[in-house]
Each structure stands twice: as C-alpha cells, then as structure tokens.
Amino acid sequence: MNGEVVVAVVAVAAIGVAYLERKNLEVAFEADVQKLITLLRSKESAVRAKISGDVAKVIADAKAEAEKIQTDAKAEVSKALAKLEADIKKVL
C-alpha cells in the first residue's frame, strides 16, 4: 500500500513538473513568436520603403524621358516647318 502511495505521489509530482515545464515553454514560444513578428514587420517596412523609392525613381526617369522626347519632337517639327516655309518661298 505504501508503495502505491509513493508511486502515486511521484506520478502527481511528475505531472505537475511536466505541466509547469509546458507552461514555461509556451511563454518562451510566445515571446519568440512576438520577436519574429516584430522582425518581420521591420523588414517589411524596409522593403516597402525601398520599393517606394525605386518606383519614385522609375516615375521620375520616365517623366524626364517623356519630356526629352517631347522636346526633341517639337524641335524636329519646328525644323520641318522652317524647311517647308523656305521651300514654299522658293516656289513663290
């Protein structure tokens, strides 16, 4: 009978220790998860900032290229009109 009581007490103690260990692991796991989430959010912010910067640069480059093309086209049209006027004056 005493042996059974000792075994029961040891079993209850082992279950109690296992329960406390499980709780400690859950707390540690939750802390690790929160650190990971924080790290991922900071990385996400950095990536979003870089993408925004890259997009802004691409847009600025595209606008500059469009303005250059428009300026070149205007210059070519002006040159063609001047030549056309000169040719008309020769004919008249």
N, C-alpha and C. Protein backbone atom coordinates (compact mmCIF):
# COMPACT_ATOMS: atom_id res chain seq x y z
N MET A 1 0.80 -1.18 0.00
CA MET A 1 0.00 0.00 0.00
C MET A 1 0.86 1.27 0.00
N ASN A 2 1.92 1.25 0.85
CA ASN A 2 2.81 2.40 0.88
C ASN A 2 3.50 2.61 -0.47
N GLY A 3 3.82 1.54 -1.11
CA GLY A 3 4.46 1.63 -2.43
C GLY A 3 3.55 2.29 -3.44
N GLU A 4 2.27 1.97 -3.36
CA GLU A 4 1.30 2.57 -4.29
C GLU A 4 1.16 4.06 -4.03
N VAL A 5 1.17 4.47 -2.77
CA VAL A 5 1.06 5.89 -2.42
C VAL A 5 2.30 6.63 -2.92
N VAL A 6 3.45 6.05 -2.73
CA VAL A 6 4.69 6.67 -3.19
C VAL A 6 4.67 6.82 -4.71
N VAL A 7 4.25 5.77 -5.39
CA VAL A 7 4.17 5.83 -6.85
C VAL A 7 3.17 6.91 -7.28
N ALA A 8 2.05 6.99 -6.59
CA ALA A 8 1.03 7.99 -6.92
C ALA A 8 1.57 9.40 -6.69
N VAL A 9 2.27 9.63 -5.58
CA VAL A 9 2.83 10.95 -5.27
C VAL A 9 3.89 11.31 -6.31
N VAL A 10 4.74 10.36 -6.65
CA VAL A 10 5.77 10.61 -7.67
C VAL A 10 5.12 10.91 -9.02
N ALA A 11 4.06 10.20 -9.37
CA ALA A 11 3.36 10.43 -10.63
C ALA A 11 2.73 11.82 -10.65
N VAL A 12 2.09 12.20 -9.54
CA VAL A 12 1.49 13.54 -9.45
C VAL A 12 2.56 14.61 -9.54
N ALA A 13 3.69 14.40 -8.87
CA ALA A 13 4.79 15.37 -8.92
C ALA A 13 5.33 15.48 -10.34
N ALA A 14 5.48 14.35 -11.01
CA ALA A 14 5.98 14.36 -12.39
C ALA A 14 5.00 15.09 -13.30
N ILE A 15 3.71 14.85 -13.09
CA ILE A 15 2.69 15.54 -13.91
C ILE A 15 2.74 17.04 -13.64
N GLY A 16 2.90 17.42 -12.37
CA GLY A 16 3.00 18.84 -12.02
C GLY A 16 4.21 19.50 -12.65
N VAL A 17 5.35 18.83 -12.59
CA VAL A 17 6.58 19.36 -13.20
C VAL A 17 6.41 19.47 -14.72
N ALA A 18 5.82 18.47 -15.32
CA ALA A 18 5.61 18.49 -16.77
C ALA A 18 4.67 19.64 -17.15
N TYR A 19 3.64 19.87 -16.33
CA TYR A 19 2.70 20.95 -16.61
C TYR A 19 3.42 22.30 -16.53
N LEU A 20 4.20 22.50 -15.48
CA LEU A 20 4.93 23.76 -15.33
C LEU A 20 5.94 23.96 -16.48
N GLU A 21 6.61 22.89 -16.85
CA GLU A 21 7.56 22.97 -17.96
C GLU A 21 6.84 23.35 -19.25
N ARG A 22 5.68 22.77 -19.47
CA ARG A 22 4.89 23.08 -20.67
C ARG A 22 4.50 24.55 -20.67
N LYS A 23 4.05 25.06 -19.53
CA LYS A 23 3.67 26.47 -19.43
C LYS A 23 4.87 27.38 -19.72
N ASN A 24 6.03 27.02 -19.16
CA ASN A 24 7.24 27.81 -19.41
C ASN A 24 7.60 27.80 -20.89
N LEU A 25 7.47 26.65 -21.52
CA LEU A 25 7.76 26.56 -22.95
C LEU A 25 6.78 27.38 -23.77
N GLU A 26 5.51 27.39 -23.37
CA GLU A 26 4.51 28.20 -24.08
C GLU A 26 4.85 29.68 -23.99
N VAL A 27 5.24 30.12 -22.81
CA VAL A 27 5.61 31.53 -22.62
C VAL A 27 6.84 31.87 -23.46
N ALA A 28 7.83 31.02 -23.44
CA ALA A 28 9.04 31.25 -24.24
C ALA A 28 8.72 31.24 -25.72
N PHE A 29 7.87 30.31 -26.13
CA PHE A 29 7.47 30.24 -27.54
C PHE A 29 6.74 31.51 -27.96
N GLU A 30 5.84 31.99 -27.14
CA GLU A 30 5.08 33.21 -27.44
C GLU A 30 6.03 34.40 -27.57
N ALA A 31 7.02 34.48 -26.68
CA ALA A 31 8.00 35.57 -26.76
C ALA A 31 8.79 35.48 -28.06
N ASP A 32 9.19 34.27 -28.44
CA ASP A 32 9.93 34.09 -29.69
C ASP A 32 9.07 34.46 -30.89
N VAL A 33 7.82 34.10 -30.85
CA VAL A 33 6.90 34.43 -31.95
C VAL A 33 6.75 35.94 -32.06
N GLN A 34 6.61 36.63 -30.93
CA GLN A 34 6.47 38.08 -30.95
C GLN A 34 7.73 38.75 -31.49
N LYS A 35 8.90 38.23 -31.12
CA LYS A 35 10.16 38.78 -31.65
C LYS A 35 10.21 38.57 -33.16
N LEU A 36 9.81 37.41 -33.62
CA LEU A 36 9.81 37.12 -35.05
C LEU A 36 8.85 38.04 -35.79
N ILE A 37 7.67 38.25 -35.23
CA ILE A 37 6.69 39.14 -35.86
C ILE A 37 7.24 40.56 -35.95
N THR A 38 7.87 41.02 -34.88
CA THR A 38 8.46 42.36 -34.88
C THR A 38 9.56 42.48 -35.93
N LEU A 39 10.39 41.46 -36.01
CA LEU A 39 11.47 41.46 -37.00
C LEU A 39 10.91 41.47 -38.42
N LEU A 40 9.90 40.65 -38.66
CA LEU A 40 9.30 40.61 -40.00
C LEU A 40 8.64 41.93 -40.36
N ARG A 41 8.00 42.57 -39.40
CA ARG A 41 7.37 43.87 -39.68
C ARG A 41 8.42 44.93 -40.00
N SER A 42 9.54 44.91 -39.30
CA SER A 42 10.58 45.89 -39.60
C SER A 42 11.19 45.62 -40.98
N LYS A 43 11.36 44.35 -41.31
CA LYS A 43 11.87 44.01 -42.65
C LYS A 43 10.88 44.44 -43.72
N GLU A 44 9.58 44.22 -43.45
CA GLU A 44 8.55 44.61 -44.40
C GLU A 44 8.58 46.11 -44.62
N SER A 45 8.74 46.88 -43.55
CA SER A 45 8.80 48.33 -43.67
C SER A 45 10.01 48.76 -44.51
N ALA A 46 11.13 48.11 -44.30
CA ALA A 46 12.33 48.44 -45.07
C ALA A 46 12.13 48.12 -46.55
N VAL A 47 11.53 46.97 -46.83
CA VAL A 47 11.30 46.57 -48.21
C VAL A 47 10.31 47.53 -48.88
N ARG A 48 9.24 47.88 -48.17
CA ARG A 48 8.26 48.82 -48.72
C ARG A 48 8.90 50.17 -49.01
N ALA A 49 9.75 50.64 -48.13
CA ALA A 49 10.44 51.91 -48.34
C ALA A 49 11.34 51.85 -49.57
N LYS A 50 12.05 50.74 -49.73
CA LYS A 50 12.92 50.58 -50.90
C LYS A 50 12.10 50.53 -52.18
N ILE A 51 11.00 49.80 -52.15
CA ILE A 51 10.13 49.71 -53.33
C ILE A 51 9.58 51.09 -53.68
N SER A 52 9.15 51.83 -52.67
CA SER A 52 8.62 53.18 -52.91
C SER A 52 9.68 54.07 -53.54
N GLY A 53 10.89 53.98 -53.03
CA GLY A 53 11.99 54.76 -53.60
C GLY A 53 12.28 54.37 -55.04
N ASP A 54 12.28 53.06 -55.30
CA ASP A 54 12.54 52.58 -56.66
C ASP A 54 11.44 53.03 -57.62
N VAL A 55 10.19 52.95 -57.17
CA VAL A 55 9.07 53.35 -58.02
C VAL A 55 9.14 54.85 -58.30
N ALA A 56 9.45 55.64 -57.29
CA ALA A 56 9.57 57.08 -57.48
C ALA A 56 10.68 57.41 -58.49
N LYS A 57 11.78 56.68 -58.41
CA LYS A 57 12.89 56.91 -59.36
C LYS A 57 12.47 56.53 -60.77
N VAL A 58 11.79 55.41 -60.92
CA VAL A 58 11.34 54.98 -62.25
C VAL A 58 10.37 56.01 -62.84
N ILE A 59 9.45 56.50 -62.01
CA ILE A 59 8.49 57.50 -62.48
C ILE A 59 9.21 58.78 -62.90
N ALA A 60 10.17 59.22 -62.08
CA ALA A 60 10.93 60.43 -62.41
C ALA A 60 11.72 60.24 -63.71
N ASP A 61 12.34 59.08 -63.87
CA ASP A 61 13.09 58.80 -65.10
C ASP A 61 12.16 58.77 -66.32
N ALA A 62 10.98 58.18 -66.15
CA ALA A 62 10.02 58.12 -67.27
C ALA A 62 9.54 59.51 -67.65
N LYS A 63 9.27 60.35 -66.66
CA LYS A 63 8.84 61.73 -66.94
C LYS A 63 9.94 62.50 -67.66
N ALA A 64 11.17 62.34 -67.20
CA ALA A 64 12.30 63.03 -67.84
C ALA A 64 12.46 62.56 -69.28
N GLU A 65 12.35 61.26 -69.50
CA GLU A 65 12.46 60.72 -70.87
C GLU A 65 11.33 61.23 -71.75
N ALA A 66 10.11 61.29 -71.20
CA ALA A 66 8.97 61.79 -71.97
C ALA A 66 9.15 63.26 -72.34
N GLU A 67 9.65 64.05 -71.40
CA GLU A 67 9.91 65.47 -71.69
C GLU A 67 10.99 65.62 -72.75
N LYS A 68 12.02 64.78 -72.69
CA LYS A 68 13.09 64.84 -73.70
C LYS A 68 12.55 64.49 -75.08
N ILE A 69 11.74 63.44 -75.12
CA ILE A 69 11.15 63.04 -76.41
C ILE A 69 10.26 64.14 -76.95
N GLN A 70 9.47 64.74 -76.06
CA GLN A 70 8.58 65.82 -76.49
C GLN A 70 9.38 67.02 -76.99
N THR A 71 10.44 67.38 -76.31
CA THR A 71 11.29 68.49 -76.73
C THR A 71 11.94 68.20 -78.08
N ASP A 72 12.45 66.97 -78.23
CA ASP A 72 13.05 66.58 -79.50
C ASP A 72 12.03 66.61 -80.63
N ALA A 73 10.83 66.14 -80.36
CA ALA A 73 9.78 66.13 -81.39
C ALA A 73 9.41 67.55 -81.78
N LYS A 74 9.29 68.44 -80.81
CA LYS A 74 8.98 69.84 -81.11
C LYS A 74 10.07 70.47 -81.95
N ALA A 75 11.33 70.16 -81.63
CA ALA A 75 12.44 70.70 -82.39
C ALA A 75 12.41 70.19 -83.83
N GLU A 76 12.11 68.91 -84.01
CA GLU A 76 12.04 68.34 -85.36
C GLU A 76 10.88 68.94 -86.15
N VAL A 77 9.74 69.15 -85.50
CA VAL A 77 8.59 69.75 -86.17
C VAL A 77 8.92 71.19 -86.56
N SER A 78 9.55 71.93 -85.67
CA SER A 78 9.93 73.31 -85.97
C SER A 78 10.90 73.36 -87.15
N LYS A 79 11.86 72.42 -87.13
CA LYS A 79 12.83 72.36 -88.23
C LYS A 79 12.12 72.02 -89.55
N ALA A 80 11.20 71.07 -89.51
CA ALA A 80 10.47 70.68 -90.71
C ALA A 80 9.60 71.82 -91.22
N LEU A 81 8.96 72.54 -90.31
CA LEU A 81 8.13 73.69 -90.72
C LEU A 81 8.99 74.79 -91.34
N ALA A 82 10.15 75.05 -90.76
CA ALA A 82 11.05 76.07 -91.31
C ALA A 82 11.50 75.68 -92.71
N LYS A 83 11.80 74.41 -92.90
CA LYS A 83 12.23 73.93 -94.21
C LYS A 83 11.07 74.05 -95.21
N LEU A 84 9.87 73.69 -94.76
CA LEU A 84 8.71 73.79 -95.61
C LEU A 84 8.43 75.23 -96.02
N GLU A 85 8.55 76.15 -95.06
CA GLU A 85 8.36 77.57 -95.38
C GLU A 85 9.41 78.05 -96.37
N ALA A 86 10.65 77.62 -96.18
CA ALA A 86 11.72 78.00 -97.10
C ALA A 86 11.44 77.46 -98.50
N ASP A 87 10.96 76.22 -98.59
CA ASP A 87 10.65 75.64 -99.89
C ASP A 87 9.48 76.37 -100.56
N ILE A 88 8.50 76.76 -99.77
CA ILE A 88 7.33 77.50 -100.32
C ILE A 88 7.78 78.85 -100.83
N LYS A 89 8.67 79.52 -100.10
CA LYS A 89 9.17 80.83 -100.51
C LYS A 89 9.97 80.74 -101.81
N LYS A 90 10.71 79.60 -101.96
CA LYS A 90 11.48 79.40 -103.20
C LYS A 90 10.53 79.28 -104.39
N VAL A 91 9.43 78.57 -104.15
CA VAL A 91 8.48 78.33 -105.23
C VAL A 91 7.74 79.61 -105.59
N LEU A 92 7.42 80.40 -104.61
CA LEU A 92 6.69 81.64 -104.87
C LEU A 92 7.65 82.67 -105.31
